[in-house]
């Protein structure tokens, strides 16, 4: 039986801000099920489902050691779009055949845009 990783849970106290951030910037749509406190953010195409879960009292937002990476072909152009929309995006870094730039979501989680998926490697 094949096993896939298709979902990640993000604990947050800022559900509505997170819906706007991932919806407006990365074209995710919110799906709510009656009686369920988790909000699923589903991508416009294939990709990872983000599950927004209300953070508990003892949880500190942004404390995880995980970074969400979104594949974009043109990091510079996409970064400019984000900055124009008021997102605080770090500088573009040049890696081995690709570029990336980092930012934080409204709950302080690490997010990156990267062209690594499109890198031509020998």
C-alpha atoms as a PDB file:
ATOM      1  CA  UNK A   1       0.000   0.000   0.000  1.00  0.00           C
ATOM      2  CA  UNK A   2       1.509   3.375  -1.003  1.00  0.00           C
ATOM      3  CA  UNK A   3       1.881   5.938   1.764  1.00  0.00           C
ATOM      4  CA  UNK A   4       1.909   9.662   1.060  1.00  0.00           C
ATOM      5  CA  UNK A   5       2.254  12.776   3.166  1.00  0.00           C
ATOM      6  CA  UNK A   6      -0.501  15.114   2.009  1.00  0.00           C
ATOM      7  CA  UNK A   7      -1.292  17.237   5.057  1.00  0.00           C
ATOM      8  CA  UNK A   8       0.460  19.314   7.664  1.00  0.00           C
ATOM      9  CA  UNK A   9      -1.115  20.737  10.823  1.00  0.00           C
ATOM     10  CA  UNK A  10      -0.317  24.342  11.726  1.00  0.00           C
ATOM     11  CA  UNK A  11      -1.274  25.392  15.252  1.00  0.00           C
ATOM     12  CA  UNK A  12      -2.365  29.022  15.423  1.00  0.00           C
ATOM     13  CA  UNK A  13      -4.401  31.584  17.313  1.00  0.00           C
ATOM     14  CA  UNK A  14      -4.831  33.607  14.111  1.00  0.00           C
ATOM     15  CA  UNK A  15      -7.063  31.385  11.979  1.00  0.00           C
ATOM     16  CA  UNK A  16      -8.623  34.210   9.925  1.00  0.00           C
ATOM     17  CA  UNK A  17      -5.269  35.925   9.284  1.00  0.00           C
ATOM     18  CA  UNK A  18      -3.756  32.599   8.238  1.00  0.00           C
ATOM     19  CA  UNK A  19      -6.660  31.940   5.842  1.00  0.00           C
ATOM     20  CA  UNK A  20      -6.080  35.341   4.220  1.00  0.00           C
ATOM     21  CA  UNK A  21      -2.267  34.888   4.071  1.00  0.00           C
ATOM     22  CA  UNK A  22      -2.293  31.471   2.398  1.00  0.00           C
ATOM     23  CA  UNK A  23      -5.457  32.166   0.403  1.00  0.00           C
ATOM     24  CA  UNK A  24      -4.500  35.555  -1.000  1.00  0.00           C
ATOM     25  CA  UNK A  25      -0.807  34.873  -1.548  1.00  0.00           C
ATOM     26  CA  UNK A  26      -0.653  31.170  -2.432  1.00  0.00           C
ATOM     27  CA  UNK A  27      -4.197  30.554  -3.804  1.00  0.00           C
ATOM     28  CA  UNK A  28      -5.376  28.182  -1.068  1.00  0.00           C
ATOM     29  CA  UNK A  29      -9.102  27.949  -0.315  1.00  0.00           C
ATOM     30  CA  UNK A  30     -10.533  27.389   3.133  1.00  0.00           C
ATOM     31  CA  UNK A  31     -12.761  24.364   3.737  1.00  0.00           C
ATOM     32  CA  UNK A  32     -14.688  24.177   6.996  1.00  0.00           C
ATOM     33  CA  UNK A  33     -16.707  21.190   8.141  1.00  0.00           C
ATOM     34  CA  UNK A  34     -19.574  21.688  10.582  1.00  0.00           C
ATOM     35  CA  UNK A  35     -18.544  20.816  14.130  1.00  0.00           C
ATOM     36  CA  UNK A  36     -14.832  20.606  13.244  1.00  0.00           C
ATOM     37  CA  UNK A  37     -12.518  23.230  14.696  1.00  0.00           C
ATOM     38  CA  UNK A  38      -9.819  22.491  12.098  1.00  0.00           C
ATOM     39  CA  UNK A  39      -9.899  24.577   8.911  1.00  0.00           C
ATOM     40  CA  UNK A  40      -8.423  22.852   5.862  1.00  0.00           C
ATOM     41  CA  UNK A  41      -6.620  25.057   3.370  1.00  0.00           C
ATOM     42  CA  UNK A  42      -6.613  23.315   0.005  1.00  0.00           C
ATOM     43  CA  UNK A  43      -4.320  24.287  -2.870  1.00  0.00           C
ATOM     44  CA  UNK A  44      -5.677  25.340  -6.256  1.00  0.00           C
ATOM     45  CA  UNK A  45      -3.722  22.476  -7.841  1.00  0.00           C
ATOM     46  CA  UNK A  46      -2.030  19.378  -6.467  1.00  0.00           C
ATOM     47  CA  UNK A  47      -0.140  19.967  -3.273  1.00  0.00           C
ATOM     48  CA  UNK A  48      -0.052  19.756   0.469  1.00  0.00           C
ATOM     49  CA  UNK A  49      -3.236  20.489   2.442  1.00  0.00           C
ATOM     50  CA  UNK A  50      -2.615  22.891   5.328  1.00  0.00           C
ATOM     51  CA  UNK A  51      -4.754  22.141   8.367  1.00  0.00           C
ATOM     52  CA  UNK A  52      -5.197  25.138  10.680  1.00  0.00           C
ATOM     53  CA  UNK A  53      -5.739  23.931  14.239  1.00  0.00           C
ATOM     54  CA  UNK A  54      -6.464  26.310  17.138  1.00  0.00           C
ATOM     55  CA  UNK A  55      -3.357  26.504  19.328  1.00  0.00           C
ATOM     56  CA  UNK A  56      -3.656  25.384  22.927  1.00  0.00           C
ATOM     57  CA  UNK A  57      -2.859  27.658  25.870  1.00  0.00           C
ATOM     58  CA  UNK A  58       0.590  26.116  26.350  1.00  0.00           C
ATOM     59  CA  UNK A  59       1.596  26.333  22.697  1.00  0.00           C
ATOM     60  CA  UNK A  60       3.720  29.222  21.510  1.00  0.00           C
ATOM     61  CA  UNK A  61       3.059  30.277  17.932  1.00  0.00           C
ATOM     62  CA  UNK A  62       5.948  29.907  15.511  1.00  0.00           C
ATOM     63  CA  UNK A  63       7.871  27.536  17.792  1.00  0.00           C
ATOM     64  CA  UNK A  64       8.132  24.672  15.286  1.00  0.00           C
ATOM     65  CA  UNK A  65      11.306  23.821  13.418  1.00  0.00           C
ATOM     66  CA  UNK A  66       9.550  23.339  10.091  1.00  0.00           C
ATOM     67  CA  UNK A  67       9.549  25.576   7.027  1.00  0.00           C
ATOM     68  CA  UNK A  68       6.846  25.458   4.354  1.00  0.00           C
ATOM     69  CA  UNK A  69       8.407  25.787   0.896  1.00  0.00           C
ATOM     70  CA  UNK A  70       6.351  26.894  -2.100  1.00  0.00           C
ATOM     71  CA  UNK A  71       7.751  26.096  -5.555  1.00  0.00           C
ATOM     72  CA  UNK A  72       7.846  29.078  -7.921  1.00  0.00           C
ATOM     73  CA  UNK A  73       9.743  29.290 -11.206  1.00  0.00           C
ATOM     74  CA  UNK A  74      10.661  32.960 -10.878  1.00  0.00           C
ATOM     75  CA  UNK A  75      11.515  33.835  -7.274  1.00  0.00           C
ATOM     76  CA  UNK A  76      12.346  37.463  -8.082  1.00  0.00           C
ATOM     77  CA  UNK A  77       9.012  38.137  -9.817  1.00  0.00           C
ATOM     78  CA  UNK A  78       6.949  36.350  -7.157  1.00  0.00           C
ATOM     79  CA  UNK A  79       8.856  38.099  -4.358  1.00  0.00           C
ATOM     80  CA  UNK A  80       8.070  41.475  -5.968  1.00  0.00           C
ATOM     81  CA  UNK A  81       4.362  40.545  -6.019  1.00  0.00           C
ATOM     82  CA  UNK A  82       4.472  39.637  -2.324  1.00  0.00           C
ATOM     83  CA  UNK A  83       6.309  42.838  -1.361  1.00  0.00           C
ATOM     84  CA  UNK A  84       3.789  44.898  -3.379  1.00  0.00           C
ATOM     85  CA  UNK A  85       1.061  43.299  -1.251  1.00  0.00           C
ATOM     86  CA  UNK A  86       2.801  44.340   1.957  1.00  0.00           C
ATOM     87  CA  UNK A  87       4.481  41.045   2.856  1.00  0.00           C
ATOM     88  CA  UNK A  88       7.845  41.330   4.627  1.00  0.00           C
ATOM     89  CA  UNK A  89       9.993  39.013   2.490  1.00  0.00           C
ATOM     90  CA  UNK A  90      13.713  38.598   3.082  1.00  0.00           C
ATOM     91  CA  UNK A  91      16.353  38.975   0.375  1.00  0.00           C
ATOM     92  CA  UNK A  92      16.792  36.485  -2.436  1.00  0.00           C
ATOM     93  CA  UNK A  93      19.462  33.889  -1.748  1.00  0.00           C
ATOM     94  CA  UNK A  94      21.349  32.135  -4.540  1.00  0.00           C
ATOM     95  CA  UNK A  95      21.878  28.419  -3.898  1.00  0.00           C
ATOM     96  CA  UNK A  96      23.201  25.585  -6.072  1.00  0.00           C
ATOM     97  CA  UNK A  97      21.283  26.263  -9.286  1.00  0.00           C
ATOM     98  CA  UNK A  98      18.229  27.862  -7.705  1.00  0.00           C
ATOM     99  CA  UNK A  99      17.033  30.843  -5.660  1.00  0.00           C
ATOM    100  CA  UNK A 100      14.909  31.221  -2.552  1.00  0.00           C
ATOM    101  CA  UNK A 101      13.551  33.904  -0.226  1.00  0.00           C
ATOM    102  CA  UNK A 102      12.120  33.564   3.271  1.00  0.00           C
ATOM    103  CA  UNK A 103       9.272  35.131   5.233  1.00  0.00           C
ATOM    104  CA  UNK A 104       6.991  34.442   8.213  1.00  0.00           C
ATOM    105  CA  UNK A 105       3.269  33.764   8.150  1.00  0.00           C
ATOM    106  CA  UNK A 106       0.951  35.631  10.573  1.00  0.00           C
ATOM    107  CA  UNK A 107       1.627  33.032  13.305  1.00  0.00           C
ATOM    108  CA  UNK A 108       5.408  33.329  12.959  1.00  0.00           C
ATOM    109  CA  UNK A 109       5.993  30.084  11.042  1.00  0.00           C
ATOM    110  CA  UNK A 110       8.812  29.980   8.494  1.00  0.00           C
ATOM    111  CA  UNK A 111       7.730  30.099   4.853  1.00  0.00           C
ATOM    112  CA  UNK A 112       9.925  30.093   1.754  1.00  0.00           C
ATOM    113  CA  UNK A 113       9.478  30.587  -1.971  1.00  0.00           C
ATOM    114  CA  UNK A 114      11.996  28.568  -3.948  1.00  0.00           C
ATOM    115  CA  UNK A 115      12.902  27.629  -7.512  1.00  0.00           C
ATOM    116  CA  UNK A 116      14.715  24.465  -6.350  1.00  0.00           C
ATOM    117  CA  UNK A 117      12.056  22.211  -7.933  1.00  0.00           C
ATOM    118  CA  UNK A 118      12.912  23.727 -11.320  1.00  0.00           C
ATOM    119  CA  UNK A 119      16.722  23.652 -10.954  1.00  0.00           C
ATOM    120  CA  UNK A 120      18.653  22.010 -13.758  1.00  0.00           C
ATOM    121  CA  UNK A 121      21.163  19.661 -12.211  1.00  0.00           C
ATOM    122  CA  UNK A 122      23.895  17.654 -13.855  1.00  0.00           C
END
